N, C-alpha and C. Protein backbone atom coordinates (compact mmCIF):
# COMPACT_ATOMS: atom_id res chain seq x y z
N MET A 1 -8.56 21.28 -1.42
CA MET A 1 -7.39 20.58 -1.93
C MET A 1 -7.87 19.44 -2.81
N GLN A 2 -7.20 19.22 -3.91
CA GLN A 2 -7.53 18.12 -4.79
C GLN A 2 -6.32 17.21 -4.94
N ILE A 3 -6.57 15.93 -5.00
CA ILE A 3 -5.52 14.94 -5.24
C ILE A 3 -5.89 14.19 -6.50
N VAL A 4 -4.96 14.08 -7.42
CA VAL A 4 -5.22 13.36 -8.66
C VAL A 4 -4.58 11.98 -8.55
N VAL A 5 -5.39 10.94 -8.66
CA VAL A 5 -4.92 9.57 -8.64
C VAL A 5 -5.34 8.97 -9.97
N SER A 6 -4.36 8.62 -10.80
CA SER A 6 -4.63 8.12 -12.15
C SER A 6 -5.51 9.11 -12.88
N ASN A 7 -6.68 8.66 -13.31
CA ASN A 7 -7.59 9.51 -14.05
C ASN A 7 -8.66 10.13 -13.17
N ALA A 8 -8.70 9.78 -11.88
CA ALA A 8 -9.74 10.27 -10.99
C ALA A 8 -9.21 11.43 -10.14
N THR A 9 -10.01 12.42 -9.94
CA THR A 9 -9.67 13.52 -9.06
C THR A 9 -10.50 13.38 -7.80
N ILE A 10 -9.85 13.41 -6.65
CA ILE A 10 -10.53 13.24 -5.38
C ILE A 10 -10.38 14.53 -4.59
N ARG A 11 -11.50 15.08 -4.13
CA ARG A 11 -11.44 16.26 -3.26
C ARG A 11 -11.36 15.77 -1.82
N ILE A 12 -10.48 16.36 -1.04
CA ILE A 12 -10.39 15.98 0.36
C ILE A 12 -10.57 17.22 1.23
N ASP A 13 -11.04 17.01 2.43
CA ASP A 13 -11.26 18.10 3.37
C ASP A 13 -9.95 18.55 3.99
N ARG A 14 -10.00 19.68 4.66
CA ARG A 14 -8.81 20.24 5.32
C ARG A 14 -8.23 19.28 6.36
N GLN A 15 -9.05 18.44 6.97
CA GLN A 15 -8.56 17.54 8.02
C GLN A 15 -7.51 16.56 7.51
N PHE A 16 -7.48 16.28 6.22
CA PHE A 16 -6.52 15.33 5.68
C PHE A 16 -5.21 15.99 5.27
N GLN A 17 -5.19 17.28 5.07
CA GLN A 17 -4.01 17.94 4.53
C GLN A 17 -2.74 17.78 5.35
N PRO A 18 -2.76 17.84 6.68
CA PRO A 18 -1.49 17.74 7.42
C PRO A 18 -0.72 16.45 7.19
N GLY A 19 -1.40 15.36 6.81
CA GLY A 19 -0.72 14.09 6.61
C GLY A 19 0.00 13.98 5.28
N TYR A 20 -0.18 14.94 4.41
CA TYR A 20 0.42 14.88 3.08
C TYR A 20 1.59 15.84 2.99
N ARG A 21 2.67 15.38 2.40
CA ARG A 21 3.85 16.22 2.22
C ARG A 21 3.80 16.85 0.84
N THR A 22 4.44 18.00 0.71
CA THR A 22 4.52 18.66 -0.58
C THR A 22 5.34 17.80 -1.53
N GLY A 23 4.86 17.66 -2.74
CA GLY A 23 5.59 16.91 -3.75
C GLY A 23 5.37 15.41 -3.71
N MET A 24 4.42 14.94 -2.89
CA MET A 24 4.14 13.51 -2.84
C MET A 24 3.49 13.08 -4.14
N LYS A 25 3.87 11.91 -4.62
CA LYS A 25 3.18 11.33 -5.77
C LYS A 25 2.30 10.22 -5.24
N LEU A 26 1.00 10.47 -5.21
CA LEU A 26 0.06 9.50 -4.68
C LEU A 26 -0.42 8.58 -5.79
N ILE A 27 -0.48 7.29 -5.46
CA ILE A 27 -0.94 6.30 -6.42
C ILE A 27 -2.04 5.46 -5.78
N SER A 28 -2.82 4.81 -6.59
CA SER A 28 -3.90 3.95 -6.08
C SER A 28 -3.33 2.59 -5.67
N SER A 29 -4.17 1.81 -5.00
CA SER A 29 -3.77 0.44 -4.61
C SER A 29 -3.46 -0.40 -5.85
N LYS A 30 -4.26 -0.21 -6.89
CA LYS A 30 -4.05 -0.98 -8.12
C LYS A 30 -2.70 -0.65 -8.75
N GLU A 31 -2.35 0.64 -8.79
CA GLU A 31 -1.05 1.04 -9.35
C GLU A 31 0.09 0.52 -8.48
N ALA A 32 -0.10 0.55 -7.16
CA ALA A 32 0.93 0.03 -6.26
C ALA A 32 1.15 -1.46 -6.50
N ALA A 33 0.06 -2.21 -6.70
CA ALA A 33 0.15 -3.64 -6.97
C ALA A 33 0.93 -3.90 -8.25
N GLU A 34 0.66 -3.11 -9.28
CA GLU A 34 1.38 -3.28 -10.54
C GLU A 34 2.86 -3.00 -10.38
N LYS A 35 3.21 -1.95 -9.64
CA LYS A 35 4.62 -1.60 -9.44
C LYS A 35 5.36 -2.65 -8.60
N LEU A 36 4.64 -3.26 -7.64
CA LEU A 36 5.27 -4.27 -6.78
C LEU A 36 5.22 -5.67 -7.41
N GLY A 37 4.41 -5.85 -8.43
CA GLY A 37 4.29 -7.16 -9.07
C GLY A 37 3.48 -8.14 -8.25
N VAL A 38 2.49 -7.63 -7.51
CA VAL A 38 1.63 -8.48 -6.69
C VAL A 38 0.18 -8.17 -7.02
N HIS A 39 -0.73 -8.97 -6.47
CA HIS A 39 -2.16 -8.75 -6.66
C HIS A 39 -2.62 -7.62 -5.77
N ILE A 40 -3.68 -6.93 -6.15
CA ILE A 40 -4.20 -5.81 -5.37
C ILE A 40 -4.61 -6.25 -3.96
N THR A 41 -5.06 -7.49 -3.82
CA THR A 41 -5.43 -8.01 -2.50
C THR A 41 -4.23 -8.02 -1.56
N ARG A 42 -3.05 -8.34 -2.10
CA ARG A 42 -1.83 -8.35 -1.29
C ARG A 42 -1.49 -6.94 -0.80
N VAL A 43 -1.69 -5.95 -1.65
CA VAL A 43 -1.45 -4.56 -1.25
C VAL A 43 -2.41 -4.18 -0.13
N GLN A 44 -3.67 -4.59 -0.24
CA GLN A 44 -4.65 -4.29 0.80
C GLN A 44 -4.29 -4.95 2.12
N VAL A 45 -3.74 -6.17 2.06
CA VAL A 45 -3.29 -6.86 3.28
C VAL A 45 -2.12 -6.11 3.90
N LEU A 46 -1.17 -5.67 3.09
CA LEU A 46 -0.02 -4.91 3.60
C LEU A 46 -0.47 -3.62 4.27
N ILE A 47 -1.49 -2.98 3.72
CA ILE A 47 -2.04 -1.76 4.32
C ILE A 47 -2.70 -2.10 5.65
N ARG A 48 -3.51 -3.15 5.67
CA ARG A 48 -4.20 -3.56 6.90
C ARG A 48 -3.22 -3.93 8.01
N GLU A 49 -2.12 -4.60 7.65
CA GLU A 49 -1.11 -5.00 8.63
C GLU A 49 -0.27 -3.82 9.12
N GLY A 50 -0.38 -2.67 8.44
CA GLY A 50 0.39 -1.50 8.83
C GLY A 50 1.79 -1.48 8.23
N ARG A 51 2.08 -2.39 7.34
CA ARG A 51 3.41 -2.45 6.73
C ARG A 51 3.56 -1.49 5.56
N LEU A 52 2.42 -1.04 4.99
CA LEU A 52 2.42 -0.09 3.89
C LEU A 52 1.50 1.07 4.28
N PRO A 53 2.07 2.24 4.56
CA PRO A 53 1.24 3.38 4.96
C PRO A 53 0.35 3.84 3.81
N ALA A 54 -0.90 4.15 4.14
CA ALA A 54 -1.85 4.63 3.14
C ALA A 54 -2.91 5.46 3.82
N LYS A 55 -3.55 6.31 3.06
CA LYS A 55 -4.68 7.10 3.54
C LYS A 55 -5.91 6.61 2.81
N GLN A 56 -7.00 6.49 3.55
CA GLN A 56 -8.25 6.10 2.92
C GLN A 56 -9.07 7.35 2.67
N ILE A 57 -9.44 7.54 1.44
CA ILE A 57 -10.29 8.67 1.05
C ILE A 57 -11.53 8.07 0.43
N GLY A 58 -12.62 8.16 1.15
CA GLY A 58 -13.85 7.49 0.70
C GLY A 58 -13.61 5.98 0.76
N GLY A 59 -13.81 5.31 -0.34
CA GLY A 59 -13.57 3.86 -0.39
C GLY A 59 -12.26 3.50 -1.06
N THR A 60 -11.41 4.50 -1.29
CA THR A 60 -10.17 4.29 -2.02
C THR A 60 -8.96 4.57 -1.13
N TYR A 61 -7.95 3.71 -1.22
CA TYR A 61 -6.69 3.97 -0.53
C TYR A 61 -5.75 4.68 -1.49
N VAL A 62 -5.04 5.68 -0.99
CA VAL A 62 -3.98 6.31 -1.77
C VAL A 62 -2.67 6.11 -1.02
N ILE A 63 -1.63 5.85 -1.77
CA ILE A 63 -0.33 5.49 -1.22
C ILE A 63 0.72 6.42 -1.81
N ASP A 64 1.62 6.90 -0.96
CA ASP A 64 2.75 7.68 -1.46
C ASP A 64 3.69 6.71 -2.16
N GLU A 65 4.04 7.03 -3.40
CA GLU A 65 4.89 6.12 -4.18
C GLU A 65 6.21 5.85 -3.48
N ALA A 66 6.73 6.81 -2.74
CA ALA A 66 8.00 6.62 -2.02
C ALA A 66 7.89 5.55 -0.93
N ASP A 67 6.68 5.33 -0.41
CA ASP A 67 6.49 4.32 0.64
C ASP A 67 6.55 2.89 0.12
N LEU A 68 6.53 2.71 -1.19
CA LEU A 68 6.63 1.35 -1.75
C LEU A 68 7.97 0.71 -1.42
N LYS A 69 8.99 1.53 -1.13
CA LYS A 69 10.31 0.99 -0.77
C LYS A 69 10.24 0.15 0.49
N ARG A 70 9.29 0.45 1.37
CA ARG A 70 9.17 -0.28 2.64
C ARG A 70 8.85 -1.75 2.45
N VAL A 71 8.13 -2.07 1.38
CA VAL A 71 7.72 -3.47 1.17
C VAL A 71 8.34 -4.08 -0.08
N ALA A 72 9.15 -3.33 -0.79
CA ALA A 72 9.73 -3.83 -2.05
C ALA A 72 10.74 -4.95 -1.83
N ASN A 73 11.40 -5.00 -0.69
CA ASN A 73 12.46 -5.99 -0.45
C ASN A 73 11.97 -7.20 0.34
N ARG A 74 10.69 -7.48 0.30
CA ARG A 74 10.18 -8.63 1.04
C ARG A 74 10.48 -9.92 0.27
N LYS A 75 10.51 -11.01 0.98
CA LYS A 75 10.74 -12.31 0.34
C LYS A 75 9.45 -12.76 -0.33
N PRO A 76 9.53 -13.31 -1.55
CA PRO A 76 8.33 -13.78 -2.23
C PRO A 76 7.82 -15.09 -1.65
N GLY A 77 6.54 -15.32 -1.77
CA GLY A 77 5.95 -16.59 -1.35
C GLY A 77 5.70 -16.67 0.14
N ARG A 78 5.28 -17.84 0.55
CA ARG A 78 4.98 -18.08 1.96
C ARG A 78 6.21 -18.59 2.68
N PRO A 79 6.31 -18.31 3.99
CA PRO A 79 7.45 -18.84 4.74
C PRO A 79 7.36 -20.37 4.84
N ARG A 80 8.51 -21.01 4.85
CA ARG A 80 8.53 -22.47 4.96
C ARG A 80 8.12 -22.90 6.35
N ILE A 81 7.42 -24.02 6.39
CA ILE A 81 7.01 -24.59 7.67
C ILE A 81 8.04 -25.62 8.05
N LYS A 82 8.56 -25.48 9.26
CA LYS A 82 9.57 -26.44 9.72
C LYS A 82 8.87 -27.74 10.08
N LYS A 83 9.43 -28.83 9.62
CA LYS A 83 8.88 -30.14 9.90
C LYS A 83 9.21 -30.52 11.35
N ALA A 84 8.21 -31.08 12.01
CA ALA A 84 8.41 -31.52 13.38
C ALA A 84 9.25 -32.79 13.42
N ARG A 85 10.24 -32.79 14.27
CA ARG A 85 11.07 -33.99 14.42
C ARG A 85 10.66 -34.70 15.69
N GLY A 86 10.55 -35.95 15.59
CA GLY A 86 10.15 -36.72 16.78
C GLY A 86 10.09 -38.21 16.47
N LYS A 87 9.65 -38.94 17.45
CA LYS A 87 9.53 -40.40 17.27
C LYS A 87 8.31 -40.72 16.42
N ARG A 88 8.44 -41.76 15.65
CA ARG A 88 7.33 -42.22 14.84
C ARG A 88 6.74 -43.48 15.38
C-alpha cells in the first residue's frame, strides 16, 4: 500500500492498513498547521495530547484532513489566569 503525502510517497506495511478508511485524504503535519493557521509545533502538541488523531509512519505524522474539525473550533491564545483575591 502506498500513501501520497504532498510530494512524498510513503510505503506502509500491512499492519497499518486497518487504521485507514477508504477515501481518506492524508496530509502532513506541516499542511495541517497551514490549514489551521498555527505553527507546526502546535500541531505536534495536539497530536501528543491526543486531541488530533494521527498515524506516525517513520518519522512523519500523517493526519486525516477530516480530523482537523476536532481542533478547528478551539479558542486562540492561552487561557486567562485568574487573579488571586485576598488581603494585602
